[in-house]
């Protein structure tokens, strides 16, 4: 006799000890390994550039490894390496207990060597379906950054190019030569 796997909620995940390295996809827990040096270095560089721009222009908040509740029943909680949320979308501090309710405006995923293209595409799709305006997929080995849009289009930037914030962060620019230095 087969028994159905019990689905986990975002609240149950939040209450788990050592949940820092777990994600929740459609109610199913997935392990997330601690990031390596290269991954952390690239996430930090993007965080620094975004944070400086966002704070200087009072546009919202930038954070690292924040859990975003993208779907409910079954719950999905993902934690991009770096995320931006526009000021107008941030609830009052008293309302924020636990994971951010919804998707970030920009989710940055630094792709680990062990991640498959299918895993990356699944995450990108989950962010975009939940309302993320741009997903930046950084591939350190290839020295590229691909911007994924809600309409299904994508553009890949090489290290000779400058990434822009487009309509989500007008005026923002990041030279990919600096990211991959």
N, C-alpha and C. Protein backbone atom coordinates (compact mmCIF):
# COMPACT_ATOMS: atom_id res chain seq x y z
N UNK A 1 0.84 -1.17 0.00
CA UNK A 1 0.00 0.00 0.00
C UNK A 1 0.89 1.24 0.00
N UNK A 2 0.63 2.14 -0.92
CA UNK A 2 1.40 3.37 -1.02
C UNK A 2 0.80 4.43 -0.11
N UNK A 3 1.67 5.17 0.54
CA UNK A 3 1.20 6.28 1.37
C UNK A 3 1.67 7.58 0.74
N UNK A 4 0.83 8.57 0.79
CA UNK A 4 1.18 9.87 0.23
C UNK A 4 2.20 10.56 1.12
N UNK A 5 3.16 11.20 0.48
CA UNK A 5 4.17 11.96 1.23
C UNK A 5 3.49 13.19 1.83
N UNK A 6 3.77 13.44 3.10
CA UNK A 6 3.18 14.61 3.76
C UNK A 6 3.87 15.86 3.24
N UNK A 7 3.07 16.79 2.79
CA UNK A 7 3.62 18.05 2.30
C UNK A 7 3.92 18.96 3.48
N UNK A 8 4.99 19.70 3.37
CA UNK A 8 5.45 20.62 4.41
C UNK A 8 4.99 22.03 4.05
N UNK A 9 4.61 22.80 5.04
CA UNK A 9 4.22 24.19 4.81
C UNK A 9 5.42 25.10 5.07
N UNK A 10 5.30 26.34 4.62
CA UNK A 10 6.35 27.33 4.86
C UNK A 10 6.53 27.58 6.35
N UNK A 11 5.44 27.61 7.09
CA UNK A 11 5.54 27.82 8.54
C UNK A 11 6.27 26.66 9.22
N UNK A 12 6.01 25.43 8.76
CA UNK A 12 6.72 24.28 9.33
C UNK A 12 8.21 24.34 8.98
N UNK A 13 8.53 24.76 7.78
CA UNK A 13 9.94 24.91 7.39
C UNK A 13 10.62 25.95 8.27
N UNK A 14 9.97 27.06 8.48
CA UNK A 14 10.54 28.14 9.29
C UNK A 14 10.82 27.67 10.72
N UNK A 15 9.98 26.78 11.25
CA UNK A 15 10.14 26.30 12.63
C UNK A 15 11.17 25.17 12.76
N UNK A 16 11.64 24.64 11.65
CA UNK A 16 12.59 23.52 11.70
C UNK A 16 13.97 24.00 12.13
N UNK A 17 14.61 23.24 13.02
CA UNK A 17 16.01 23.57 13.34
C UNK A 17 16.87 23.27 12.11
N UNK A 18 17.87 24.04 11.89
CA UNK A 18 18.79 23.83 10.76
C UNK A 18 18.08 23.89 9.41
N UNK A 19 17.08 24.75 9.28
CA UNK A 19 16.37 24.86 8.01
C UNK A 19 17.08 25.79 7.03
N UNK A 20 18.21 26.34 7.45
CA UNK A 20 18.95 27.29 6.62
C UNK A 20 19.31 26.71 5.25
N UNK A 21 19.56 25.43 5.18
CA UNK A 21 19.98 24.81 3.93
C UNK A 21 18.88 23.95 3.32
N UNK A 22 17.64 24.41 3.48
CA UNK A 22 16.50 23.71 2.89
C UNK A 22 15.67 24.68 2.07
N UNK A 23 15.13 24.18 0.98
CA UNK A 23 14.17 24.92 0.18
C UNK A 23 12.88 24.13 0.20
N UNK A 24 11.80 24.75 -0.19
CA UNK A 24 10.50 24.09 -0.22
C UNK A 24 9.91 24.31 -1.60
N UNK A 25 9.68 23.23 -2.32
CA UNK A 25 9.12 23.32 -3.66
C UNK A 25 7.85 22.50 -3.72
N UNK A 26 6.74 23.19 -3.85
CA UNK A 26 5.42 22.56 -3.90
C UNK A 26 5.22 21.61 -2.72
N UNK A 27 5.65 22.07 -1.53
CA UNK A 27 5.44 21.31 -0.31
C UNK A 27 6.48 20.25 -0.01
N UNK A 28 7.47 20.09 -0.89
CA UNK A 28 8.49 19.05 -0.72
C UNK A 28 9.83 19.71 -0.39
N UNK A 29 10.47 19.23 0.68
CA UNK A 29 11.76 19.78 1.09
C UNK A 29 12.85 19.37 0.11
N UNK A 30 13.76 20.30 -0.15
CA UNK A 30 14.95 20.01 -0.97
C UNK A 30 16.16 20.56 -0.23
N UNK A 31 17.20 19.75 -0.21
CA UNK A 31 18.44 20.20 0.43
C UNK A 31 19.17 21.17 -0.48
N UNK A 32 19.79 22.15 0.14
CA UNK A 32 20.59 23.13 -0.56
C UNK A 32 21.96 23.14 0.11
N UNK A 33 22.97 22.81 -0.64
CA UNK A 33 24.31 22.77 -0.07
C UNK A 33 24.80 24.18 0.24
N UNK A 34 25.67 24.31 1.24
CA UNK A 34 26.29 25.62 1.46
C UNK A 34 27.03 26.03 0.19
N UNK A 35 27.06 27.33 -0.09
CA UNK A 35 27.68 27.79 -1.33
C UNK A 35 29.20 27.76 -1.22
N UNK A 36 29.83 27.62 -2.36
CA UNK A 36 31.29 27.62 -2.42
C UNK A 36 31.84 29.04 -2.57
N UNK A 37 33.15 29.13 -2.61
CA UNK A 37 33.83 30.41 -2.67
C UNK A 37 33.41 31.23 -3.88
N UNK A 38 33.47 30.65 -5.07
CA UNK A 38 33.15 31.38 -6.29
C UNK A 38 31.71 31.89 -6.27
N UNK A 39 30.80 31.04 -5.87
CA UNK A 39 29.39 31.39 -5.78
C UNK A 39 29.21 32.59 -4.83
N UNK A 40 29.79 32.49 -3.65
CA UNK A 40 29.68 33.56 -2.66
C UNK A 40 30.29 34.86 -3.12
N UNK A 41 31.42 34.77 -3.79
CA UNK A 41 32.10 35.96 -4.30
C UNK A 41 31.23 36.71 -5.30
N UNK A 42 30.63 35.98 -6.23
CA UNK A 42 29.80 36.64 -7.25
C UNK A 42 28.51 37.19 -6.65
N UNK A 43 27.91 36.46 -5.74
CA UNK A 43 26.70 36.95 -5.08
C UNK A 43 27.02 38.22 -4.29
N UNK A 44 28.15 38.25 -3.62
CA UNK A 44 28.55 39.41 -2.84
C UNK A 44 28.77 40.63 -3.72
N UNK A 45 29.40 40.44 -4.86
CA UNK A 45 29.65 41.57 -5.77
C UNK A 45 28.33 42.14 -6.31
N UNK A 46 27.40 41.28 -6.65
CA UNK A 46 26.11 41.76 -7.14
C UNK A 46 25.36 42.45 -6.00
N UNK A 47 25.38 41.86 -4.82
CA UNK A 47 24.73 42.46 -3.67
C UNK A 47 25.28 43.87 -3.41
N UNK A 48 26.57 44.02 -3.43
CA UNK A 48 27.20 45.32 -3.16
C UNK A 48 26.78 46.36 -4.18
N UNK A 49 26.84 46.00 -5.47
CA UNK A 49 26.45 46.95 -6.51
C UNK A 49 24.99 47.34 -6.44
N UNK A 50 24.12 46.35 -6.28
CA UNK A 50 22.69 46.61 -6.18
C UNK A 50 22.37 47.45 -4.94
N UNK A 51 22.93 47.04 -3.81
CA UNK A 51 22.64 47.72 -2.54
C UNK A 51 23.03 49.20 -2.60
N UNK A 52 24.21 49.50 -3.12
CA UNK A 52 24.64 50.90 -3.23
C UNK A 52 23.65 51.72 -4.05
N UNK A 53 23.24 51.18 -5.18
CA UNK A 53 22.33 51.89 -6.07
C UNK A 53 20.95 52.06 -5.43
N UNK A 54 20.42 50.99 -4.88
CA UNK A 54 19.08 51.01 -4.29
C UNK A 54 19.03 51.95 -3.08
N UNK A 55 20.04 51.88 -2.21
CA UNK A 55 20.05 52.76 -1.04
C UNK A 55 20.23 54.22 -1.43
N UNK A 56 21.11 54.48 -2.39
CA UNK A 56 21.37 55.86 -2.81
C UNK A 56 20.11 56.50 -3.40
N UNK A 57 19.25 55.68 -3.98
CA UNK A 57 18.05 56.19 -4.63
C UNK A 57 16.77 55.88 -3.86
N UNK A 58 16.91 55.32 -2.65
CA UNK A 58 15.77 54.99 -1.79
C UNK A 58 14.69 54.22 -2.55
N UNK A 59 15.09 53.11 -3.18
CA UNK A 59 14.19 52.36 -4.05
C UNK A 59 13.57 51.13 -3.40
N UNK A 60 14.11 50.68 -2.27
CA UNK A 60 13.59 49.47 -1.65
C UNK A 60 14.66 48.79 -0.84
N UNK A 61 14.69 47.48 -0.89
CA UNK A 61 15.65 46.71 -0.12
C UNK A 61 16.32 45.64 -0.97
N UNK A 62 17.58 45.36 -0.64
CA UNK A 62 18.35 44.29 -1.26
C UNK A 62 18.77 43.36 -0.14
N UNK A 63 18.65 42.07 -0.36
CA UNK A 63 19.04 41.11 0.66
C UNK A 63 19.63 39.86 0.04
N UNK A 64 20.30 39.09 0.87
CA UNK A 64 20.91 37.84 0.42
C UNK A 64 20.26 36.66 1.14
N UNK A 65 20.05 35.60 0.37
CA UNK A 65 19.52 34.33 0.91
C UNK A 65 18.23 34.50 1.71
N UNK A 66 17.38 35.44 1.33
CA UNK A 66 16.09 35.66 1.99
C UNK A 66 15.09 34.65 1.43
N UNK A 67 14.31 34.05 2.31
CA UNK A 67 13.27 33.13 1.86
C UNK A 67 12.06 33.90 1.36
N UNK A 68 11.63 33.59 0.15
CA UNK A 68 10.44 34.19 -0.45
C UNK A 68 9.38 33.09 -0.62
N UNK A 69 8.21 33.33 -0.05
CA UNK A 69 7.10 32.37 -0.20
C UNK A 69 6.44 32.68 -1.54
N UNK A 70 6.73 31.85 -2.52
CA UNK A 70 6.27 32.08 -3.88
C UNK A 70 4.89 31.49 -4.16
N UNK A 71 4.52 30.47 -3.42
CA UNK A 71 3.23 29.81 -3.64
C UNK A 71 2.73 29.25 -2.33
N UNK A 72 1.41 29.09 -2.25
CA UNK A 72 0.76 28.56 -1.05
C UNK A 72 -0.12 27.39 -1.44
N UNK A 73 -0.04 26.33 -0.64
CA UNK A 73 -0.91 25.15 -0.74
C UNK A 73 -0.89 24.47 -2.09
N UNK A 74 0.17 23.78 -2.45
CA UNK A 74 1.35 23.54 -1.63
C UNK A 74 2.32 24.72 -1.68
N UNK A 75 3.04 24.89 -0.57
CA UNK A 75 3.95 26.02 -0.41
C UNK A 75 5.25 25.84 -1.18
N UNK A 76 5.75 26.95 -1.70
CA UNK A 76 7.07 26.99 -2.31
C UNK A 76 7.82 28.15 -1.68
N UNK A 77 9.01 27.87 -1.14
CA UNK A 77 9.88 28.90 -0.57
C UNK A 77 11.25 28.74 -1.21
N UNK A 78 11.69 29.77 -1.92
CA UNK A 78 13.02 29.78 -2.51
C UNK A 78 13.80 30.94 -1.92
N UNK A 79 15.12 30.82 -1.91
CA UNK A 79 15.99 31.86 -1.37
C UNK A 79 17.07 32.19 -2.40
N UNK A 80 16.82 33.21 -3.23
CA UNK A 80 17.84 33.57 -4.22
C UNK A 80 19.11 34.07 -3.55
N UNK A 81 20.21 33.95 -4.26
CA UNK A 81 21.48 34.44 -3.72
C UNK A 81 21.40 35.90 -3.34
N UNK A 82 20.75 36.70 -4.20
CA UNK A 82 20.53 38.12 -3.96
C UNK A 82 19.13 38.44 -4.47
N UNK A 83 18.46 39.37 -3.80
CA UNK A 83 17.12 39.76 -4.23
C UNK A 83 16.91 41.25 -4.00
N UNK A 84 16.10 41.83 -4.87
CA UNK A 84 15.66 43.22 -4.72
C UNK A 84 14.15 43.24 -4.64
N UNK A 85 13.63 44.03 -3.67
CA UNK A 85 12.19 44.26 -3.55
C UNK A 85 11.96 45.76 -3.53
N UNK A 86 11.08 46.24 -4.41
CA UNK A 86 10.77 47.66 -4.50
C UNK A 86 10.11 48.14 -3.21
N UNK A 87 10.41 49.37 -2.85
CA UNK A 87 9.93 49.98 -1.61
C UNK A 87 8.41 49.88 -1.45
N UNK A 88 7.68 50.13 -2.51
CA UNK A 88 6.21 50.13 -2.45
C UNK A 88 5.64 48.75 -2.13
N UNK A 89 6.42 47.70 -2.32
CA UNK A 89 5.94 46.33 -2.09
C UNK A 89 6.32 45.77 -0.73
N UNK A 90 7.04 46.53 0.06
CA UNK A 90 7.51 46.01 1.35
C UNK A 90 6.47 46.30 2.43
N UNK A 91 5.91 45.25 3.03
CA UNK A 91 4.93 45.48 4.10
C UNK A 91 5.59 46.09 5.34
N UNK A 92 4.77 46.61 6.21
CA UNK A 92 5.28 47.14 7.48
C UNK A 92 6.04 46.04 8.21
N UNK A 93 7.08 46.44 8.93
CA UNK A 93 7.93 45.48 9.64
C UNK A 93 7.12 44.54 10.52
N UNK A 94 6.08 45.04 11.15
CA UNK A 94 5.26 44.21 12.03
C UNK A 94 4.56 43.09 11.27
N UNK A 95 4.35 43.29 9.97
CA UNK A 95 3.67 42.28 9.15
C UNK A 95 4.63 41.23 8.62
N UNK A 96 5.92 41.47 8.76
CA UNK A 96 6.91 40.55 8.21
C UNK A 96 7.45 39.62 9.29
N UNK A 97 6.75 38.55 9.51
CA UNK A 97 7.29 37.53 10.40
C UNK A 97 7.46 36.29 9.54
N UNK A 98 8.66 35.86 9.42
CA UNK A 98 8.93 34.70 8.57
C UNK A 98 9.39 35.12 7.19
N UNK A 99 8.96 34.35 6.21
CA UNK A 99 9.40 34.57 4.83
C UNK A 99 8.67 35.75 4.20
N UNK A 100 9.30 36.35 3.21
CA UNK A 100 8.67 37.45 2.50
C UNK A 100 7.46 36.89 1.75
N UNK A 101 6.31 37.55 1.88
CA UNK A 101 5.09 37.05 1.24
C UNK A 101 5.00 37.44 -0.23
N UNK A 102 5.53 36.62 -1.09
CA UNK A 102 5.51 36.90 -2.52
C UNK A 102 6.90 36.81 -3.11
N UNK A 103 7.00 37.29 -4.33
CA UNK A 103 8.24 37.18 -5.09
C UNK A 103 9.05 38.47 -5.02
N UNK A 104 10.37 38.36 -5.17
CA UNK A 104 11.18 39.58 -5.28
C UNK A 104 10.96 40.20 -6.66
N UNK A 105 11.30 41.47 -6.80
CA UNK A 105 11.23 42.10 -8.12
C UNK A 105 12.37 41.60 -9.01
N UNK A 106 13.54 41.43 -8.40
CA UNK A 106 14.68 40.83 -9.09
C UNK A 106 15.21 39.70 -8.22
N UNK A 107 15.37 38.52 -8.80
CA UNK A 107 15.99 37.39 -8.12
C UNK A 107 17.29 37.07 -8.85
N UNK A 108 18.36 36.95 -8.09
CA UNK A 108 19.67 36.63 -8.67
C UNK A 108 20.06 35.23 -8.21
N UNK A 109 20.26 34.36 -9.15
CA UNK A 109 20.70 33.00 -8.85
C UNK A 109 22.10 32.81 -9.43
N UNK A 110 23.06 32.56 -8.56
CA UNK A 110 24.41 32.23 -9.01
C UNK A 110 24.42 30.71 -9.13
N UNK A 111 24.63 30.23 -10.34
CA UNK A 111 24.50 28.82 -10.64
C UNK A 111 25.72 28.05 -10.13
N UNK A 112 25.45 27.04 -9.33
CA UNK A 112 26.51 26.20 -8.78
C UNK A 112 26.92 25.16 -9.82
N UNK A 113 28.17 24.68 -9.73
CA UNK A 113 28.66 23.70 -10.72
C UNK A 113 27.78 22.44 -10.81
N UNK A 114 27.18 22.03 -9.70
CA UNK A 114 26.38 20.80 -9.71
C UNK A 114 24.95 20.97 -10.17
N UNK A 115 24.50 22.22 -10.39
CA UNK A 115 23.11 22.45 -10.81
C UNK A 115 22.94 22.13 -12.29
N UNK A 116 21.86 21.45 -12.60
CA UNK A 116 21.57 21.13 -14.01
C UNK A 116 20.79 22.27 -14.64
N UNK A 117 20.78 22.31 -15.96
CA UNK A 117 20.00 23.33 -16.67
C UNK A 117 18.52 23.20 -16.33
N UNK A 118 18.05 21.97 -16.13
CA UNK A 118 16.64 21.74 -15.79
C UNK A 118 16.32 22.35 -14.42
N UNK A 119 17.22 22.20 -13.46
CA UNK A 119 17.01 22.77 -12.13
C UNK A 119 16.98 24.30 -12.19
N UNK A 120 17.87 24.86 -12.99
CA UNK A 120 17.92 26.31 -13.13
C UNK A 120 16.63 26.80 -13.78
N UNK A 121 16.20 26.15 -14.85
CA UNK A 121 14.98 26.57 -15.54
C UNK A 121 13.75 26.43 -14.65
N UNK A 122 13.74 25.41 -13.78
CA UNK A 122 12.62 25.24 -12.86
C UNK A 122 12.54 26.43 -11.90
N UNK A 123 13.70 26.82 -11.34
CA UNK A 123 13.73 27.97 -10.42
C UNK A 123 13.31 29.25 -11.14
N UNK A 124 13.86 29.47 -12.31
CA UNK A 124 13.53 30.67 -13.09
C UNK A 124 12.02 30.72 -13.31
N UNK A 125 11.44 29.61 -13.73
CA UNK A 125 10.00 29.55 -14.00
C UNK A 125 9.19 29.84 -12.74
N UNK A 126 9.63 29.29 -11.61
CA UNK A 126 8.90 29.51 -10.35
C UNK A 126 8.92 30.98 -9.96
N UNK A 127 10.06 31.62 -10.07
CA UNK A 127 10.15 33.05 -9.76
C UNK A 127 9.23 33.86 -10.68
N UNK A 128 9.34 33.63 -11.98
CA UNK A 128 8.57 34.41 -12.94
C UNK A 128 7.07 34.18 -12.79
N UNK A 129 6.66 32.94 -12.56
CA UNK A 129 5.24 32.65 -12.36
C UNK A 129 4.70 33.31 -11.11
N UNK A 130 5.56 33.52 -10.13
CA UNK A 130 5.13 34.15 -8.87
C UNK A 130 5.13 35.68 -8.94
N UNK A 131 5.64 36.24 -10.04
CA UNK A 131 5.60 37.69 -10.20
C UNK A 131 6.93 38.40 -10.24
N UNK A 132 8.03 37.68 -10.19
CA UNK A 132 9.35 38.31 -10.30
C UNK A 132 9.47 38.96 -11.68
N UNK A 133 9.99 40.18 -11.71
CA UNK A 133 10.08 40.91 -12.97
C UNK A 133 11.32 40.54 -13.79
N UNK A 134 12.40 40.18 -13.09
CA UNK A 134 13.62 39.76 -13.77
C UNK A 134 14.31 38.70 -12.91
N UNK A 135 14.83 37.68 -13.58
CA UNK A 135 15.69 36.70 -12.90
C UNK A 135 17.03 36.78 -13.59
N UNK A 136 18.06 37.04 -12.79
CA UNK A 136 19.42 37.08 -13.31
C UNK A 136 20.10 35.77 -12.94
N UNK A 137 20.45 34.99 -13.94
CA UNK A 137 21.13 33.71 -13.72
C UNK A 137 22.61 33.91 -14.07
N UNK A 138 23.45 33.85 -13.04
CA UNK A 138 24.88 34.07 -13.20
C UNK A 138 25.57 32.71 -13.34
N UNK A 139 26.34 32.57 -14.40
CA UNK A 139 27.08 31.33 -14.64
C UNK A 139 28.58 31.65 -14.59
N UNK A 140 29.17 31.52 -13.39
CA UNK A 140 30.58 31.89 -13.23
C UNK A 140 31.53 31.15 -14.17
N UNK A 141 31.31 29.86 -14.39
CA UNK A 141 32.21 29.10 -15.27
C UNK A 141 32.19 29.64 -16.69
N UNK A 142 31.03 30.01 -17.16
CA UNK A 142 30.88 30.54 -18.53
C UNK A 142 31.15 32.04 -18.59
N UNK A 143 31.19 32.69 -17.40
CA UNK A 143 31.39 34.13 -17.30
C UNK A 143 30.28 34.88 -18.05
N UNK A 144 29.04 34.43 -17.80
CA UNK A 144 27.87 35.06 -18.40
C UNK A 144 26.80 35.30 -17.35
N UNK A 145 25.89 36.20 -17.68
CA UNK A 145 24.72 36.46 -16.86
C UNK A 145 23.53 36.54 -17.82
N UNK A 146 22.52 35.71 -17.58
CA UNK A 146 21.34 35.70 -18.43
C UNK A 146 20.18 36.35 -17.69
N UNK A 147 19.53 37.31 -18.33
CA UNK A 147 18.37 37.98 -17.77
C UNK A 147 17.12 37.31 -18.35
N UNK A 148 16.30 36.75 -17.46
CA UNK A 148 15.06 36.09 -17.86
C UNK A 148 13.89 37.03 -17.57
N UNK A 149 12.97 37.15 -18.52
CA UNK A 149 11.83 38.05 -18.42
C UNK A 149 10.52 37.28 -18.33
N UNK A 150 9.49 37.90 -17.76
CA UNK A 150 8.19 37.22 -17.62
C UNK A 150 7.58 36.77 -18.94
N UNK A 151 7.91 37.45 -20.04
CA UNK A 151 7.32 37.06 -21.33
C UNK A 151 8.03 35.87 -21.98
N UNK A 152 8.99 35.28 -21.26
CA UNK A 152 9.70 34.10 -21.76
C UNK A 152 10.97 34.41 -22.52
N UNK A 153 11.23 35.68 -22.78
CA UNK A 153 12.47 36.02 -23.48
C UNK A 153 13.63 36.05 -22.49
N UNK A 154 14.82 35.92 -23.03
CA UNK A 154 16.03 35.98 -22.21
C UNK A 154 17.14 36.59 -23.03
N UNK A 155 18.05 37.26 -22.33
CA UNK A 155 19.22 37.85 -22.98
C UNK A 155 20.44 37.51 -22.17
N UNK A 156 21.46 37.02 -22.85
CA UNK A 156 22.70 36.65 -22.17
C UNK A 156 23.75 37.73 -22.38
N UNK A 157 24.34 38.14 -21.26
CA UNK A 157 25.39 39.16 -21.26
C UNK A 157 26.73 38.47 -21.03
N UNK A 158 27.75 38.92 -21.74
CA UNK A 158 29.10 38.41 -21.54
C UNK A 158 29.88 39.41 -20.70
N UNK A 159 31.10 39.03 -20.31
CA UNK A 159 31.88 39.89 -19.43
C UNK A 159 32.31 41.20 -20.09
N UNK A 160 32.15 41.32 -21.39
CA UNK A 160 32.50 42.57 -22.07
C UNK A 160 31.33 43.55 -22.06
N UNK A 161 30.19 43.14 -21.50
CA UNK A 161 28.97 43.95 -21.54
C UNK A 161 28.63 44.53 -20.16
N UNK A 162 27.70 45.48 -20.15
CA UNK A 162 27.22 46.06 -18.91
C UNK A 162 25.74 45.71 -18.75
N UNK A 163 25.42 45.14 -17.61
CA UNK A 163 24.05 44.80 -17.27
C UNK A 163 23.31 46.06 -16.84
N UNK A 164 22.08 46.22 -17.30
CA UNK A 164 21.30 47.38 -16.86
C UNK A 164 20.12 46.90 -16.02
N UNK A 165 19.56 47.82 -15.26
CA UNK A 165 18.40 47.50 -14.45
C UNK A 165 17.10 47.61 -15.22
N UNK A 166 17.20 47.99 -16.49
CA UNK A 166 16.05 48.15 -17.38
C UNK A 166 14.94 48.95 -16.69
N UNK A 167 13.70 48.54 -16.85
CA UNK A 167 12.58 49.28 -16.26
C UNK A 167 12.36 48.95 -14.79
N UNK A 168 13.04 47.94 -14.27
CA UNK A 168 12.88 47.58 -12.86
C UNK A 168 13.75 48.49 -11.99
N UNK A 169 14.96 48.76 -12.42
CA UNK A 169 15.89 49.66 -11.73
C UNK A 169 16.52 50.61 -12.75
N UNK A 170 15.75 51.56 -13.28
CA UNK A 170 16.31 52.47 -14.28
C UNK A 170 17.54 53.19 -13.75
N UNK A 171 18.58 53.22 -14.57
CA UNK A 171 19.81 53.91 -14.19
C UNK A 171 20.86 52.99 -13.58
N UNK A 172 20.46 51.78 -13.19
CA UNK A 172 21.43 50.85 -12.61
C UNK A 172 22.27 50.23 -13.72
N UNK A 173 23.56 50.08 -13.46
CA UNK A 173 24.44 49.41 -14.39
C UNK A 173 25.52 48.65 -13.64
N UNK A 174 25.88 47.49 -14.16
CA UNK A 174 26.93 46.68 -13.57
C UNK A 174 27.79 46.12 -14.69
N UNK A 175 29.05 46.56 -14.73
CA UNK A 175 29.98 46.06 -15.73
C UNK A 175 30.31 44.61 -15.36
N UNK A 176 30.02 43.70 -16.25
CA UNK A 176 30.27 42.29 -15.94
C UNK A 176 31.76 41.97 -15.86
N UNK A 177 32.59 42.84 -16.42
CA UNK A 177 34.04 42.64 -16.26
C UNK A 177 34.41 42.76 -14.78
N UNK A 178 33.70 43.62 -14.03
CA UNK A 178 33.93 43.76 -12.59
C UNK A 178 33.39 42.56 -11.83
N UNK A 179 32.24 42.06 -12.26
CA UNK A 179 31.65 40.90 -11.62
C UNK A 179 32.55 39.68 -11.73
N UNK A 180 33.10 39.48 -12.91
CA UNK A 180 33.90 38.29 -13.15
C UNK A 180 35.41 38.50 -12.98
N UNK A 181 35.81 39.64 -12.43
CA UNK A 181 37.25 39.94 -12.21
C UNK A 181 37.86 38.96 -11.24
